[in-house]
Amino acid sequence: MRRLGGPAHREVIPRDPGASFRWHEHDYPHPLARWNRHPEYEIHLIRHGTGRYIIGDAVGPFGPGQLVLVGSHLPHDWISDLRAGDRIEGRDVVLQFDPAWFARLKDVVPELDDFSALLARSARGIEFLGQTAIDGAEMIQSIGARSGAAAIADFLALLTTLSRAPSEDLRTLSSAGIDPGVGAAASDVVASAVDYIFANLGSGPRLSVAAGIAKMSESAFSRYFKNASGQTFSGMVTRLRLTQACRLLASTETAVAQIAQTVGYSNLSNFNRRFRDEYGLTPSEYRRSRSPEPPGQPPSAPSSSTK
């Protein structure tokens, strides 16, 4: 298990004086692939592998072709399903740009105000779907081979494609209320707790144990966790368990009762009820509703009824 580790790390994006934005690709595991937040907007493409993302208070599955716009200071991480010693070559393509730079650019190019609604919505994270995701993935990858004015032109073309996405091609991820200025101490508490949850997902993570790891009382830990992550500890546990269940339902023929046991539910009726409360349908109905994903689409969970 890769350690999520540390606080929602304040990643420092290196500035290239010869470029207006930063484009890079990396493998997984990688020092950049961790729970972090930064002032820059980030367009993030997953090229290979499956796993679970945490973006703000949203938890869900991802797969090849997932394209997400992450807003300024919104905590995020993508955790791939790996066996010990595995490595995913070229998992991510990332494009990051500074809000202050973009604001200055709008001052001299007022037409760029067309992107304001898109960037404002990105404060909660936006996942792109359908043809927009396919086109956006192709465009962000091609930018890596460009330089100079051609790179800027392609960057603006990418933003244009994302801003014109039809409503069925995008969905907002995190609920409102994530505090972008949360302190390092609270972030550290959340990171340690998420690490503990992942390590014990099938055996039942306990609030008392997570609070003990943080050397806090249960009440203080609960406040810190809710303030920094936007959800309760038990809510995080439930969403991570059910997201794992969605992946197993979609990718295996394993019996529902066995999946329930795998993700930590000893009582099948309780599992079915929790799944229906979260997604609006039973695990069996979810499995029957699955159809092959179109090219470039990540595996998806049904929209949560709690969002």
Foldseek 3Di string as FASTA:
>chain_A
DDALDAFLAADDDDDDPQDQKDKDWFKPPDPVQHWHFYQWKKWKAFAAAKFWKAWQQFIAIWGHLKIKIAAHLTTMHTDGDDDPPDMGGRGMIMMIHHPVSVVVVCVVVVVVCLLVVVRVLNNQMKIFADPLSVVLVVLSVVLVVDHDPVSVVSVVVSSVSVSPGPPVGMDGGHDPDADSPDDSLLRRLQSQLVSQCVVCQLPDDDLCVSCVVSVHPSVVSQVSNCRHRVDGSVVSSLNNLVNQLLVCLQPHPDDQCVSCNRRHHPDSVVQQVSNCQFAVHGSVVSSVPDDDGPPSGIDTGHHTPVD
